[in-house]
């Protein structure tokens, strides 16, 4: 069962790079089609889209609260399991994506727990 979890977490981490960044690529293509080249204008357009309507606002609010809870989880589990550099998953969330950082954290957490139980 542990190998299945590792595989699922690993697949989630890989998909967490591919799928969100594919969407960012599409967004960039759209901004280029609109003739936008100023990075600040592009970021403003992206930010406006996050709160464009009630359904987008729901997703943004929900994700914000899940991010906060996951950061607490990263800290609590990272410290409890003595995971090195657990705090980097927070930075990776903003640098790459939450889907990637959470999948990667869970993958490494599973590996850490497996190695700890093997050494007991």
N, C-alpha and C. Protein backbone atom coordinates (compact mmCIF):
# COMPACT_ATOMS: atom_id res chain seq x y z
N UNK A 1 0.82 -1.20 0.00
CA UNK A 1 0.00 0.00 0.00
C UNK A 1 0.86 1.26 0.00
N UNK A 2 2.01 1.21 0.68
CA UNK A 2 2.90 2.37 0.73
C UNK A 2 3.43 2.71 -0.66
N UNK A 3 3.73 1.70 -1.46
CA UNK A 3 4.22 1.97 -2.82
C UNK A 3 3.14 2.61 -3.68
N UNK A 4 1.89 2.20 -3.48
CA UNK A 4 0.78 2.81 -4.20
C UNK A 4 0.65 4.28 -3.83
N UNK A 5 0.73 4.56 -2.52
CA UNK A 5 0.65 5.97 -2.08
C UNK A 5 1.80 6.77 -2.65
N UNK A 6 3.01 6.21 -2.61
CA UNK A 6 4.16 6.91 -3.19
C UNK A 6 3.93 7.21 -4.67
N UNK A 7 3.42 6.23 -5.39
CA UNK A 7 3.15 6.43 -6.82
C UNK A 7 2.10 7.50 -7.06
N UNK A 8 1.04 7.47 -6.26
CA UNK A 8 -0.01 8.48 -6.42
C UNK A 8 0.48 9.87 -6.06
N UNK A 9 1.24 9.98 -4.97
CA UNK A 9 1.78 11.28 -4.59
C UNK A 9 2.77 11.79 -5.63
N UNK A 10 3.61 10.90 -6.15
CA UNK A 10 4.56 11.29 -7.19
C UNK A 10 3.85 11.75 -8.46
N UNK A 11 2.81 11.00 -8.84
CA UNK A 11 2.04 11.38 -10.04
C UNK A 11 1.34 12.72 -9.83
N UNK A 12 0.82 12.93 -8.62
CA UNK A 12 0.18 14.21 -8.32
C UNK A 12 1.18 15.36 -8.40
N UNK A 13 2.38 15.14 -7.89
CA UNK A 13 3.41 16.18 -7.95
C UNK A 13 3.77 16.50 -9.40
N UNK A 14 3.94 15.47 -10.23
CA UNK A 14 4.27 15.71 -11.64
C UNK A 14 3.12 16.42 -12.36
N UNK A 15 1.91 15.96 -12.12
CA UNK A 15 0.75 16.63 -12.73
C UNK A 15 0.62 18.06 -12.20
N UNK A 16 1.07 18.28 -10.95
CA UNK A 16 1.02 19.61 -10.35
C UNK A 16 1.98 20.60 -10.97
N UNK A 17 2.92 20.09 -11.73
CA UNK A 17 3.77 20.98 -12.54
C UNK A 17 3.13 21.17 -13.91
N UNK A 18 2.77 20.07 -14.53
CA UNK A 18 2.32 20.09 -15.93
C UNK A 18 1.00 20.84 -16.13
N UNK A 19 -0.02 20.49 -15.40
CA UNK A 19 -1.34 21.04 -15.66
C UNK A 19 -1.43 22.53 -15.33
N UNK A 20 -1.05 22.98 -14.11
CA UNK A 20 -1.12 24.43 -13.84
C UNK A 20 -0.25 25.26 -14.79
N UNK A 21 0.95 24.77 -15.10
CA UNK A 21 1.81 25.55 -15.98
C UNK A 21 1.33 25.53 -17.41
N UNK A 22 0.61 24.50 -17.82
CA UNK A 22 -0.03 24.52 -19.14
C UNK A 22 -1.07 25.63 -19.18
N UNK A 23 -1.82 25.77 -18.09
CA UNK A 23 -2.81 26.85 -18.02
C UNK A 23 -2.14 28.22 -18.04
N UNK A 24 -1.02 28.36 -17.34
CA UNK A 24 -0.27 29.62 -17.38
C UNK A 24 0.22 29.90 -18.80
N UNK A 25 0.70 28.86 -19.46
CA UNK A 25 1.14 29.01 -20.86
C UNK A 25 -0.01 29.52 -21.73
N UNK A 26 -1.19 28.94 -21.55
CA UNK A 26 -2.36 29.39 -22.32
C UNK A 26 -2.69 30.84 -22.00
N UNK A 27 -2.59 31.22 -20.74
CA UNK A 27 -2.87 32.59 -20.34
C UNK A 27 -1.88 33.54 -21.01
N UNK A 28 -0.62 33.16 -21.02
CA UNK A 28 0.41 33.99 -21.66
C UNK A 28 0.11 34.15 -23.15
N UNK A 29 -0.31 33.06 -23.79
CA UNK A 29 -0.66 33.13 -25.21
C UNK A 29 -1.82 34.11 -25.42
N UNK A 30 -2.80 34.08 -24.52
CA UNK A 30 -3.94 34.99 -24.62
C UNK A 30 -3.50 36.44 -24.45
N UNK A 31 -2.60 36.70 -23.50
CA UNK A 31 -2.15 38.08 -23.28
C UNK A 31 -1.35 38.59 -24.47
N UNK A 32 -0.57 37.69 -25.08
CA UNK A 32 0.17 38.10 -26.28
C UNK A 32 -0.79 38.41 -27.42
N UNK A 33 -1.86 37.64 -27.53
CA UNK A 33 -2.87 37.90 -28.58
C UNK A 33 -3.56 39.24 -28.35
N UNK A 34 -3.66 39.65 -27.08
CA UNK A 34 -4.25 40.95 -26.76
C UNK A 34 -3.25 42.09 -26.94
N UNK A 35 -2.00 41.74 -27.18
CA UNK A 35 -0.97 42.75 -27.35
C UNK A 35 -0.36 43.25 -26.06
N UNK A 36 -0.62 42.55 -24.96
CA UNK A 36 -0.05 42.97 -23.68
C UNK A 36 1.40 42.50 -23.59
N UNK A 37 2.27 43.40 -23.22
CA UNK A 37 3.68 43.06 -23.05
C UNK A 37 4.23 43.50 -21.70
N UNK A 38 3.53 44.43 -21.05
CA UNK A 38 3.98 44.94 -19.75
C UNK A 38 3.68 43.88 -18.67
N UNK A 39 4.72 43.39 -17.99
CA UNK A 39 4.49 42.35 -16.96
C UNK A 39 3.51 42.78 -15.87
N UNK A 40 3.50 44.05 -15.51
CA UNK A 40 2.57 44.52 -14.48
C UNK A 40 1.14 44.43 -14.97
N UNK A 41 0.90 44.80 -16.22
CA UNK A 41 -0.44 44.68 -16.80
C UNK A 41 -0.88 43.22 -16.85
N UNK A 42 0.05 42.34 -17.18
CA UNK A 42 -0.27 40.91 -17.26
C UNK A 42 -0.63 40.37 -15.89
N UNK A 43 0.14 40.73 -14.87
CA UNK A 43 -0.16 40.29 -13.50
C UNK A 43 -1.49 40.87 -13.04
N UNK A 44 -1.78 42.12 -13.36
CA UNK A 44 -3.06 42.73 -12.99
C UNK A 44 -4.22 42.00 -13.66
N UNK A 45 -4.06 41.65 -14.92
CA UNK A 45 -5.11 40.92 -15.63
C UNK A 45 -5.33 39.55 -14.99
N UNK A 46 -4.24 38.88 -14.65
CA UNK A 46 -4.34 37.57 -14.00
C UNK A 46 -5.06 37.71 -12.66
N UNK A 47 -4.68 38.71 -11.87
CA UNK A 47 -5.28 38.93 -10.55
C UNK A 47 -6.77 39.25 -10.66
N UNK A 48 -7.13 40.03 -11.66
CA UNK A 48 -8.55 40.35 -11.86
C UNK A 48 -9.35 39.09 -12.19
N UNK A 49 -8.73 38.17 -12.92
CA UNK A 49 -9.41 36.93 -13.28
C UNK A 49 -9.70 36.05 -12.08
N UNK A 50 -8.84 36.13 -11.08
CA UNK A 50 -9.02 35.31 -9.89
C UNK A 50 -10.32 35.66 -9.18
N UNK A 51 -10.69 36.94 -9.21
CA UNK A 51 -11.91 37.40 -8.55
C UNK A 51 -12.94 37.91 -9.56
N UNK A 52 -12.90 37.38 -10.79
CA UNK A 52 -13.74 37.88 -11.88
C UNK A 52 -15.24 37.72 -11.61
N UNK A 53 -15.62 36.66 -10.94
CA UNK A 53 -17.03 36.43 -10.63
C UNK A 53 -17.12 35.61 -9.34
N UNK A 54 -18.34 35.31 -8.94
CA UNK A 54 -18.53 34.61 -7.66
C UNK A 54 -17.93 33.21 -7.66
N UNK A 55 -18.01 32.51 -8.78
CA UNK A 55 -17.45 31.15 -8.80
C UNK A 55 -15.92 31.18 -8.75
N UNK A 56 -15.32 32.13 -9.44
CA UNK A 56 -13.86 32.27 -9.36
C UNK A 56 -13.45 32.71 -7.96
N UNK A 57 -14.23 33.60 -7.35
CA UNK A 57 -13.96 34.04 -6.00
C UNK A 57 -14.07 32.90 -4.99
N UNK A 58 -15.05 32.03 -5.21
CA UNK A 58 -15.20 30.85 -4.33
C UNK A 58 -13.95 29.99 -4.39
N UNK A 59 -13.47 29.72 -5.60
CA UNK A 59 -12.27 28.88 -5.77
C UNK A 59 -11.06 29.56 -5.13
N UNK A 60 -10.93 30.86 -5.33
CA UNK A 60 -9.80 31.59 -4.76
C UNK A 60 -9.85 31.59 -3.23
N UNK A 61 -11.02 31.82 -2.66
CA UNK A 61 -11.16 31.82 -1.20
C UNK A 61 -10.91 30.43 -0.64
N UNK A 62 -11.47 29.42 -1.28
CA UNK A 62 -11.28 28.04 -0.84
C UNK A 62 -9.81 27.65 -0.88
N UNK A 63 -9.15 27.96 -1.99
CA UNK A 63 -7.73 27.62 -2.13
C UNK A 63 -6.88 28.37 -1.11
N UNK A 64 -7.21 29.62 -0.84
CA UNK A 64 -6.45 30.40 0.15
C UNK A 64 -6.51 29.73 1.51
N UNK A 65 -7.69 29.29 1.92
CA UNK A 65 -7.83 28.63 3.22
C UNK A 65 -7.14 27.27 3.25
N UNK A 66 -7.20 26.55 2.14
CA UNK A 66 -6.49 25.26 2.06
C UNK A 66 -4.98 25.48 2.12
N UNK A 67 -4.50 26.54 1.48
CA UNK A 67 -3.07 26.86 1.55
C UNK A 67 -2.64 27.11 2.99
N UNK A 68 -3.41 27.90 3.72
CA UNK A 68 -3.06 28.20 5.10
C UNK A 68 -3.02 26.92 5.92
N UNK A 69 -4.04 26.08 5.77
CA UNK A 69 -4.09 24.81 6.50
C UNK A 69 -2.92 23.91 6.11
N UNK A 70 -2.58 23.87 4.83
CA UNK A 70 -1.47 23.01 4.39
C UNK A 70 -0.14 23.52 4.92
N UNK A 71 0.04 24.83 5.03
CA UNK A 71 1.29 25.36 5.57
C UNK A 71 1.44 24.97 7.05
N UNK A 72 0.33 25.00 7.79
CA UNK A 72 0.36 24.54 9.18
C UNK A 72 0.70 23.04 9.21
N UNK A 73 0.10 22.28 8.28
CA UNK A 73 0.37 20.84 8.19
C UNK A 73 1.84 20.58 7.85
N UNK A 74 2.39 21.34 6.88
CA UNK A 74 3.81 21.19 6.53
C UNK A 74 4.68 21.38 7.78
N UNK A 75 4.39 22.44 8.52
CA UNK A 75 5.20 22.74 9.71
C UNK A 75 5.04 21.65 10.77
N UNK A 76 3.80 21.30 11.08
CA UNK A 76 3.55 20.32 12.13
C UNK A 76 4.15 18.96 11.78
N UNK A 77 3.89 18.48 10.59
CA UNK A 77 4.40 17.17 10.18
C UNK A 77 5.91 17.21 9.95
N UNK A 78 6.39 18.29 9.36
CA UNK A 78 7.82 18.42 9.11
C UNK A 78 8.62 18.38 10.39
N UNK A 79 8.14 19.09 11.40
CA UNK A 79 8.82 19.12 12.69
C UNK A 79 8.66 17.77 13.39
N UNK A 80 7.44 17.23 13.39
CA UNK A 80 7.18 15.94 14.07
C UNK A 80 8.02 14.82 13.50
N UNK A 81 8.15 14.79 12.17
CA UNK A 81 8.90 13.72 11.51
C UNK A 81 10.37 14.06 11.30
N UNK A 82 10.77 15.24 11.78
CA UNK A 82 12.15 15.71 11.63
C UNK A 82 12.58 15.73 10.16
N UNK A 83 11.68 16.24 9.31
CA UNK A 83 11.97 16.36 7.88
C UNK A 83 12.86 17.58 7.67
N UNK A 84 13.95 17.39 6.93
CA UNK A 84 14.83 18.51 6.64
C UNK A 84 14.16 19.43 5.62
N UNK A 85 14.34 20.69 5.80
CA UNK A 85 13.91 21.71 4.84
C UNK A 85 12.41 21.69 4.56
N UNK A 86 11.58 21.30 5.54
CA UNK A 86 10.14 21.24 5.34
C UNK A 86 9.57 22.60 4.91
N UNK A 87 10.18 23.68 5.34
CA UNK A 87 9.70 25.03 5.06
C UNK A 87 9.84 25.40 3.58
N UNK A 88 10.70 24.68 2.86
CA UNK A 88 10.86 24.98 1.43
C UNK A 88 9.61 24.66 0.62
N UNK A 89 8.77 23.76 1.14
CA UNK A 89 7.53 23.44 0.43
C UNK A 89 6.61 24.65 0.34
N UNK A 90 6.69 25.53 1.31
CA UNK A 90 5.90 26.76 1.28
C UNK A 90 6.38 27.64 0.13
N UNK A 91 7.70 27.80 0.00
CA UNK A 91 8.25 28.60 -1.10
C UNK A 91 7.93 27.97 -2.45
N UNK A 92 8.01 26.65 -2.52
CA UNK A 92 7.72 25.94 -3.78
C UNK A 92 6.27 26.14 -4.20
N UNK A 93 5.38 26.29 -3.22
CA UNK A 93 3.98 26.55 -3.52
C UNK A 93 3.85 27.80 -4.39
N UNK A 94 4.58 28.85 -4.03
CA UNK A 94 4.47 30.11 -4.76
C UNK A 94 5.34 30.13 -6.01
N UNK A 95 6.42 29.37 -6.01
CA UNK A 95 7.32 29.35 -7.17
C UNK A 95 6.81 28.45 -8.28
N UNK A 96 6.15 27.35 -7.93
CA UNK A 96 5.71 26.39 -8.95
C UNK A 96 4.19 26.25 -8.91
N UNK A 97 3.68 25.56 -7.89
CA UNK A 97 2.23 25.44 -7.70
C UNK A 97 1.95 24.69 -6.42
N UNK A 98 0.76 24.91 -5.88
CA UNK A 98 0.35 24.19 -4.68
C UNK A 98 0.20 22.70 -4.97
N UNK A 99 -0.35 22.36 -6.12
CA UNK A 99 -0.52 20.95 -6.48
C UNK A 99 0.83 20.22 -6.47
N UNK A 100 1.86 20.88 -6.95
CA UNK A 100 3.19 20.28 -6.95
C UNK A 100 3.74 20.18 -5.53
N UNK A 101 3.70 21.28 -4.78
CA UNK A 101 4.32 21.26 -3.45
C UNK A 101 3.62 20.28 -2.53
N UNK A 102 2.30 20.19 -2.60
CA UNK A 102 1.59 19.28 -1.71
C UNK A 102 1.86 17.82 -2.09
N UNK A 103 1.82 17.52 -3.38
CA UNK A 103 2.15 16.16 -3.81
C UNK A 103 3.56 15.78 -3.43
N UNK A 104 4.51 16.70 -3.61
CA UNK A 104 5.90 16.43 -3.27
C UNK A 104 6.08 16.26 -1.76
N UNK A 105 5.41 17.11 -0.98
CA UNK A 105 5.49 16.98 0.47
C UNK A 105 4.96 15.62 0.92
N UNK A 106 3.81 15.24 0.39
CA UNK A 106 3.22 13.96 0.79
C UNK A 106 4.11 12.80 0.35
N UNK A 107 4.72 12.90 -0.83
CA UNK A 107 5.64 11.87 -1.31
C UNK A 107 6.82 11.73 -0.34
N UNK A 108 7.44 12.85 0.00
CA UNK A 108 8.60 12.81 0.90
C UNK A 108 8.20 12.45 2.33
N UNK A 109 7.03 12.85 2.75
CA UNK A 109 6.53 12.46 4.07
C UNK A 109 6.37 10.94 4.13
N UNK A 110 5.78 10.36 3.09
CA UNK A 110 5.58 8.91 3.03
C UNK A 110 6.93 8.19 3.06
N UNK A 111 7.89 8.69 2.29
CA UNK A 111 9.24 8.09 2.29
C UNK A 111 9.88 8.20 3.66
N UNK A 112 9.73 9.35 4.30
CA UNK A 112 10.30 9.57 5.62
C UNK A 112 9.70 8.60 6.64
N UNK A 113 8.39 8.43 6.60
CA UNK A 113 7.72 7.52 7.55
C UNK A 113 8.13 6.07 7.27
N UNK A 114 8.29 5.70 6.00
CA UNK A 114 8.69 4.34 5.65
C UNK A 114 10.10 4.06 6.15
N UNK A 115 11.00 5.00 5.96
CA UNK A 115 12.38 4.79 6.41
C UNK A 115 12.49 4.79 7.92
N UNK A 116 11.63 5.58 8.59
CA UNK A 116 11.64 5.59 10.06
C UNK A 116 11.12 4.27 10.62
N UNK A 117 10.09 3.72 9.99
CA UNK A 117 9.55 2.44 10.49
C UNK A 117 10.47 1.28 10.15
N UNK A 118 11.24 1.40 9.07
CA UNK A 118 12.20 0.35 8.70
C UNK A 118 13.38 0.33 9.66
N UNK A 119 13.72 1.51 10.21
CA UNK A 119 14.87 1.56 11.11
C UNK A 119 14.49 1.21 12.55
N UNK A 120 13.17 1.12 12.83
CA UNK A 120 12.74 0.76 14.20
C UNK A 120 12.93 -0.70 14.49
